[in-house]
């Protein structure tokens, strides 16, 4: 099972199909006025600026998902591209696919769910889809917590992990050699 994070930032501003208008004159020749050309160039430049800003925002958004997802990311980001009036391609949407399969244990599933939620909410501007994925991850975490509790554990997974770490540290401490039995010399 996998889920995709998506940002939907496809601009509603149409790409101009003509750069400027033509005015017929005598002799069937076409004359373009300077103001018409300037207006068309200004419109085209504004559209390119808008596409560049959207491209940067989409790429940053998906990079945040990837950074937080870590090993759960199935691949790099996939982008929805449009061609601008300058002939270049710009990202206007994107998605990152994640591994959302349950872990081998409730503890592993809980850790995975927490990482999925963090990845979903990593961008500065989470989309509606991102919030939906975060909600699914929270549900996954809750189910893992219930499975761990139903399995006979009376403490939460977090408490159990803390107790295990303390017990391990205590065992390491007790097996150490008494102080003063070894001397390390550094030259």
C-alpha atoms as a PDB file:
ATOM      1  CA  UNK A   1       0.000   0.000   0.000  1.00  0.00           C
ATOM      2  CA  UNK A   2       1.298   3.461  -0.737  1.00  0.00           C
ATOM      3  CA  UNK A   3       0.070   7.003  -0.556  1.00  0.00           C
ATOM      4  CA  UNK A   4       1.068  10.052  -2.526  1.00  0.00           C
ATOM      5  CA  UNK A   5       1.498  13.551  -1.208  1.00  0.00           C
ATOM      6  CA  UNK A   6       0.220  16.091  -3.666  1.00  0.00           C
ATOM      7  CA  UNK A   7       0.190  19.832  -3.932  1.00  0.00           C
ATOM      8  CA  UNK A   8      -2.300  21.254  -6.339  1.00  0.00           C
ATOM      9  CA  UNK A   9      -1.037  24.630  -7.440  1.00  0.00           C
ATOM     10  CA  UNK A  10      -2.000  24.650 -11.075  1.00  0.00           C
ATOM     11  CA  UNK A  11      -2.390  28.287 -11.927  1.00  0.00           C
ATOM     12  CA  UNK A  12      -5.757  29.514 -13.112  1.00  0.00           C
ATOM     13  CA  UNK A  13      -4.174  32.182 -15.304  1.00  0.00           C
ATOM     14  CA  UNK A  14      -4.207  30.975 -18.927  1.00  0.00           C
ATOM     15  CA  UNK A  15      -1.015  30.984 -20.935  1.00  0.00           C
ATOM     16  CA  UNK A  16      -1.296  33.664 -23.621  1.00  0.00           C
ATOM     17  CA  UNK A  17      -1.678  32.154 -27.054  1.00  0.00           C
ATOM     18  CA  UNK A  18      -0.661  35.251 -28.976  1.00  0.00           C
ATOM     19  CA  UNK A  19       2.164  37.549 -28.104  1.00  0.00           C
ATOM     20  CA  UNK A  20       0.522  40.636 -29.588  1.00  0.00           C
ATOM     21  CA  UNK A  21      -2.225  41.658 -31.919  1.00  0.00           C
ATOM     22  CA  UNK A  22      -1.836  42.726 -35.495  1.00  0.00           C
ATOM     23  CA  UNK A  23      -3.411  45.721 -37.177  1.00  0.00           C
ATOM     24  CA  UNK A  24      -3.994  45.419 -40.926  1.00  0.00           C
ATOM     25  CA  UNK A  25      -2.925  48.450 -42.968  1.00  0.00           C
ATOM     26  CA  UNK A  26      -2.931  49.361 -46.613  1.00  0.00           C
ATOM     27  CA  UNK A  27      -1.441  46.926 -49.014  1.00  0.00           C
ATOM     28  CA  UNK A  28      -2.432  43.897 -46.833  1.00  0.00           C
ATOM     29  CA  UNK A  29       0.692  44.294 -44.702  1.00  0.00           C
ATOM     30  CA  UNK A  30       0.497  43.916 -40.949  1.00  0.00           C
ATOM     31  CA  UNK A  31       1.747  46.625 -38.636  1.00  0.00           C
ATOM     32  CA  UNK A  32       2.206  46.116 -34.909  1.00  0.00           C
ATOM     33  CA  UNK A  33       2.033  49.105 -32.683  1.00  0.00           C
ATOM     34  CA  UNK A  34       4.677  49.591 -30.034  1.00  0.00           C
ATOM     35  CA  UNK A  35       2.097  49.736 -27.262  1.00  0.00           C
ATOM     36  CA  UNK A  36       0.567  46.426 -28.316  1.00  0.00           C
ATOM     37  CA  UNK A  37       3.993  44.784 -28.310  1.00  0.00           C
ATOM     38  CA  UNK A  38       4.854  46.309 -24.943  1.00  0.00           C
ATOM     39  CA  UNK A  39       1.557  45.161 -23.435  1.00  0.00           C
ATOM     40  CA  UNK A  40       2.054  41.636 -24.744  1.00  0.00           C
ATOM     41  CA  UNK A  41       5.648  41.527 -23.509  1.00  0.00           C
ATOM     42  CA  UNK A  42       4.572  42.768 -20.079  1.00  0.00           C
ATOM     43  CA  UNK A  43       1.835  40.123 -19.915  1.00  0.00           C
ATOM     44  CA  UNK A  44       4.262  37.389 -20.983  1.00  0.00           C
ATOM     45  CA  UNK A  45       6.892  38.522 -18.469  1.00  0.00           C
ATOM     46  CA  UNK A  46       4.296  38.513 -15.676  1.00  0.00           C
ATOM     47  CA  UNK A  47       3.200  34.987 -16.627  1.00  0.00           C
ATOM     48  CA  UNK A  48       6.807  33.770 -16.607  1.00  0.00           C
ATOM     49  CA  UNK A  49       7.388  35.336 -13.156  1.00  0.00           C
ATOM     50  CA  UNK A  50       4.245  33.615 -11.880  1.00  0.00           C
ATOM     51  CA  UNK A  51       5.345  30.251 -13.293  1.00  0.00           C
ATOM     52  CA  UNK A  52       8.836  30.594 -11.788  1.00  0.00           C
ATOM     53  CA  UNK A  53       7.378  31.395  -8.362  1.00  0.00           C
ATOM     54  CA  UNK A  54       4.988  28.441  -8.566  1.00  0.00           C
ATOM     55  CA  UNK A  55       7.834  26.158  -9.683  1.00  0.00           C
ATOM     56  CA  UNK A  56       9.989  27.201  -6.695  1.00  0.00           C
ATOM     57  CA  UNK A  57       7.081  26.764  -4.268  1.00  0.00           C
ATOM     58  CA  UNK A  58       6.154  23.305  -5.610  1.00  0.00           C
ATOM     59  CA  UNK A  59       9.755  22.060  -5.590  1.00  0.00           C
ATOM     60  CA  UNK A  60      10.326  23.319  -2.023  1.00  0.00           C
ATOM     61  CA  UNK A  61       7.069  21.708  -0.900  1.00  0.00           C
ATOM     62  CA  UNK A  62       7.989  18.301  -2.330  1.00  0.00           C
ATOM     63  CA  UNK A  63      11.585  18.570  -1.042  1.00  0.00           C
ATOM     64  CA  UNK A  64      10.190  19.058   2.482  1.00  0.00           C
ATOM     65  CA  UNK A  65       8.129  15.872   2.104  1.00  0.00           C
ATOM     66  CA  UNK A  66      11.175  13.932   0.874  1.00  0.00           C
ATOM     67  CA  UNK A  67      13.461  15.189   3.636  1.00  0.00           C
ATOM     68  CA  UNK A  68      11.012  14.220   6.381  1.00  0.00           C
ATOM     69  CA  UNK A  69      10.029  10.908   4.765  1.00  0.00           C
ATOM     70  CA  UNK A  70      13.567   9.548   4.687  1.00  0.00           C
ATOM     71  CA  UNK A  71      13.632   5.833   3.893  1.00  0.00           C
ATOM     72  CA  UNK A  72       9.830   5.708   3.610  1.00  0.00           C
ATOM     73  CA  UNK A  73       9.983   7.568   0.279  1.00  0.00           C
ATOM     74  CA  UNK A  74       9.562   5.091  -2.570  1.00  0.00           C
ATOM     75  CA  UNK A  75      11.205   7.413  -5.083  1.00  0.00           C
ATOM     76  CA  UNK A  76      11.917  11.053  -5.728  1.00  0.00           C
ATOM     77  CA  UNK A  77       9.203  13.609  -6.320  1.00  0.00           C
ATOM     78  CA  UNK A  78       7.094  13.440  -9.488  1.00  0.00           C
ATOM     79  CA  UNK A  79       6.081  16.789 -10.936  1.00  0.00           C
ATOM     80  CA  UNK A  80       3.235  17.977 -13.144  1.00  0.00           C
ATOM     81  CA  UNK A  81       4.805  20.316 -15.690  1.00  0.00           C
ATOM     82  CA  UNK A  82       3.520  23.030 -18.028  1.00  0.00           C
ATOM     83  CA  UNK A  83       5.348  24.798 -20.816  1.00  0.00           C
ATOM     84  CA  UNK A  84       5.609  28.538 -20.338  1.00  0.00           C
ATOM     85  CA  UNK A  85       5.468  31.215 -23.031  1.00  0.00           C
ATOM     86  CA  UNK A  86       9.271  31.186 -23.047  1.00  0.00           C
ATOM     87  CA  UNK A  87       9.322  27.496 -24.050  1.00  0.00           C
ATOM     88  CA  UNK A  88      10.625  26.274 -20.678  1.00  0.00           C
ATOM     89  CA  UNK A  89       8.909  23.695 -18.472  1.00  0.00           C
ATOM     90  CA  UNK A  90       7.682  24.685 -15.016  1.00  0.00           C
ATOM     91  CA  UNK A  91       6.452  22.499 -12.136  1.00  0.00           C
ATOM     92  CA  UNK A  92       2.887  23.355 -11.154  1.00  0.00           C
ATOM     93  CA  UNK A  93       2.134  20.275  -9.031  1.00  0.00           C
ATOM     94  CA  UNK A  94       3.916  17.335  -7.489  1.00  0.00           C
ATOM     95  CA  UNK A  95       3.700  14.201  -5.406  1.00  0.00           C
ATOM     96  CA  UNK A  96       5.895  11.946  -3.293  1.00  0.00           C
ATOM     97  CA  UNK A  97       4.968   8.265  -2.859  1.00  0.00           C
ATOM     98  CA  UNK A  98       5.546   6.698   0.549  1.00  0.00           C
ATOM     99  CA  UNK A  99       5.599   3.194   1.962  1.00  0.00           C
ATOM    100  CA  UNK A 100       2.657   3.099   4.363  1.00  0.00           C
ATOM    101  CA  UNK A 101       2.557  -0.650   4.940  1.00  0.00           C
ATOM    102  CA  UNK A 102       2.335  -1.748   8.585  1.00  0.00           C
ATOM    103  CA  UNK A 103       5.551  -2.576  10.407  1.00  0.00           C
ATOM    104  CA  UNK A 104       6.549  -6.002  11.697  1.00  0.00           C
ATOM    105  CA  UNK A 105       5.381  -5.054  15.176  1.00  0.00           C
ATOM    106  CA  UNK A 106       3.023  -2.499  16.689  1.00  0.00           C
ATOM    107  CA  UNK A 107       6.053  -0.514  17.842  1.00  0.00           C
ATOM    108  CA  UNK A 108       7.471  -0.380  14.316  1.00  0.00           C
ATOM    109  CA  UNK A 109       4.057   0.539  12.906  1.00  0.00           C
ATOM    110  CA  UNK A 110       3.755   3.369  15.430  1.00  0.00           C
ATOM    111  CA  UNK A 111       7.192   4.722  14.510  1.00  0.00           C
ATOM    112  CA  UNK A 112       6.318   4.514  10.817  1.00  0.00           C
ATOM    113  CA  UNK A 113       3.002   6.288  11.359  1.00  0.00           C
ATOM    114  CA  UNK A 114       4.741   9.097  13.237  1.00  0.00           C
ATOM    115  CA  UNK A 115       7.258   9.526  10.412  1.00  0.00           C
ATOM    116  CA  UNK A 116       4.493   9.514   7.783  1.00  0.00           C
ATOM    117  CA  UNK A 117       2.607  12.190   9.714  1.00  0.00           C
ATOM    118  CA  UNK A 118       5.767  14.287  10.057  1.00  0.00           C
ATOM    119  CA  UNK A 119       6.445  13.946   6.325  1.00  0.00           C
ATOM    120  CA  UNK A 120       2.881  14.938   5.458  1.00  0.00           C
ATOM    121  CA  UNK A 121       3.048  18.083   7.575  1.00  0.00           C
ATOM    122  CA  UNK A 122       6.678  18.969   6.782  1.00  0.00           C
ATOM    123  CA  UNK A 123       6.023  21.711   4.194  1.00  0.00           C
ATOM    124  CA  UNK A 124       5.389  25.236   5.405  1.00  0.00           C
ATOM    125  CA  UNK A 125       2.049  25.182   3.552  1.00  0.00           C
ATOM    126  CA  UNK A 126       0.515  21.683   3.775  1.00  0.00           C
ATOM    127  CA  UNK A 127      -2.174  21.019   1.184  1.00  0.00           C
ATOM    128  CA  UNK A 128      -5.570  19.460   1.810  1.00  0.00           C
ATOM    129  CA  UNK A 129      -4.134  16.135   0.612  1.00  0.00           C
ATOM    130  CA  UNK A 130      -1.245  16.506   3.079  1.00  0.00           C
ATOM    131  CA  UNK A 131      -3.688  16.975   5.969  1.00  0.00           C
ATOM    132  CA  UNK A 132      -5.628  13.898   4.815  1.00  0.00           C
ATOM    133  CA  UNK A 133      -2.431  11.809   4.804  1.00  0.00           C
ATOM    134  CA  UNK A 134      -1.530  13.114   8.275  1.00  0.00           C
ATOM    135  CA  UNK A 135      -4.983  12.083   9.528  1.00  0.00           C
ATOM    136  CA  UNK A 136      -4.534   8.593   8.049  1.00  0.00           C
ATOM    137  CA  UNK A 137      -1.142   8.341   9.758  1.00  0.00           C
ATOM    138  CA  UNK A 138      -2.677   9.369  13.093  1.00  0.00           C
ATOM    139  CA  UNK A 139      -5.302   6.646  12.663  1.00  0.00           C
ATOM    140  CA  UNK A 140      -2.532   4.141  11.842  1.00  0.00           C
ATOM    141  CA  UNK A 141      -0.663   5.178  15.014  1.00  0.00           C
ATOM    142  CA  UNK A 142      -3.786   4.837  17.144  1.00  0.00           C
ATOM    143  CA  UNK A 143      -4.445   1.357  15.782  1.00  0.00           C
ATOM    144  CA  UNK A 144      -0.836   0.311  16.464  1.00  0.00           C
ATOM    145  CA  UNK A 145      -1.153   1.623  20.022  1.00  0.00           C
ATOM    146  CA  UNK A 146      -4.346  -0.408  20.515  1.00  0.00           C
ATOM    147  CA  UNK A 147      -2.679  -3.550  19.136  1.00  0.00           C
ATOM    148  CA  UNK A 148       0.240  -3.116  21.500  1.00  0.00           C
ATOM    149  CA  UNK A 149      -2.094  -2.643  24.449  1.00  0.00           C
ATOM    150  CA  UNK A 150      -4.297  -5.584  23.444  1.00  0.00           C
ATOM    151  CA  UNK A 151      -1.202  -7.751  23.195  1.00  0.00           C
ATOM    152  CA  UNK A 152      -0.968  -7.827  26.985  1.00  0.00           C
ATOM    153  CA  UNK A 153       1.148  -4.749  27.498  1.00  0.00           C
ATOM    154  CA  UNK A 154      -0.190  -2.514  30.238  1.00  0.00           C
ATOM    155  CA  UNK A 155       2.144   0.349  29.450  1.00  0.00           C
ATOM    156  CA  UNK A 156       2.373   2.472  26.350  1.00  0.00           C
ATOM    157  CA  UNK A 157       4.917   1.732  23.669  1.00  0.00           C
ATOM    158  CA  UNK A 158       6.839   4.863  24.587  1.00  0.00           C
ATOM    159  CA  UNK A 159       7.034   3.862  28.250  1.00  0.00           C
ATOM    160  CA  UNK A 160       8.124   0.345  27.316  1.00  0.00           C
ATOM    161  CA  UNK A 161      10.882   1.712  25.100  1.00  0.00           C
ATOM    162  CA  UNK A 162      12.074   3.967  27.918  1.00  0.00           C
ATOM    163  CA  UNK A 163      12.089   1.065  30.395  1.00  0.00           C
ATOM    164  CA  UNK A 164      14.047  -1.086  27.944  1.00  0.00           C
ATOM    165  CA  UNK A 165      16.656   1.657  27.476  1.00  0.00           C
ATOM    166  CA  UNK A 166      17.065   2.097  31.238  1.00  0.00           C
ATOM    167  CA  UNK A 167      17.391  -1.662  31.773  1.00  0.00           C
ATOM    168  CA  UNK A 168      19.972  -1.894  28.987  1.00  0.00           C
ATOM    169  CA  UNK A 169      22.004   0.993  30.381  1.00  0.00           C
ATOM    170  CA  UNK A 170      21.901  -0.539  33.869  1.00  0.00           C
ATOM    171  CA  UNK A 171      23.061  -3.915  32.511  1.00  0.00           C
ATOM    172  CA  UNK A 172      25.935  -2.215  30.666  1.00  0.00           C
ATOM    173  CA  UNK A 173      26.908  -0.368  33.821  1.00  0.00           C
ATOM    174  CA  UNK A 174      26.870  -3.528  35.968  1.00  0.00           C
ATOM    175  CA  UNK A 175      29.096  -5.461  33.543  1.00  0.00           C
ATOM    176  CA  UNK A 176      31.797  -2.784  33.459  1.00  0.00           C
ATOM    177  CA  UNK A 177      35.128  -3.397  35.086  1.00  0.00           C
ATOM    178  CA  UNK A 178      35.726  -1.550  38.334  1.00  0.00           C
ATOM    179  CA  UNK A 179      37.328   1.860  37.992  1.00  0.00           C
ATOM    180  CA  UNK A 180      41.103   1.889  38.046  1.00  0.00           C
ATOM    181  CA  UNK A 181      41.653  -1.549  36.540  1.00  0.00           C
ATOM    182  CA  UNK A 182      42.682  -0.143  33.155  1.00  0.00           C
ATOM    183  CA  UNK A 183      44.802   2.791  32.254  1.00  0.00           C
ATOM    184  CA  UNK A 184      44.779   4.360  28.834  1.00  0.00           C
ATOM    185  CA  UNK A 185      47.888   6.269  27.848  1.00  0.00           C
ATOM    186  CA  UNK A 186      47.766   8.887  25.139  1.00  0.00           C
ATOM    187  CA  UNK A 187      50.937  10.255  23.691  1.00  0.00           C
END
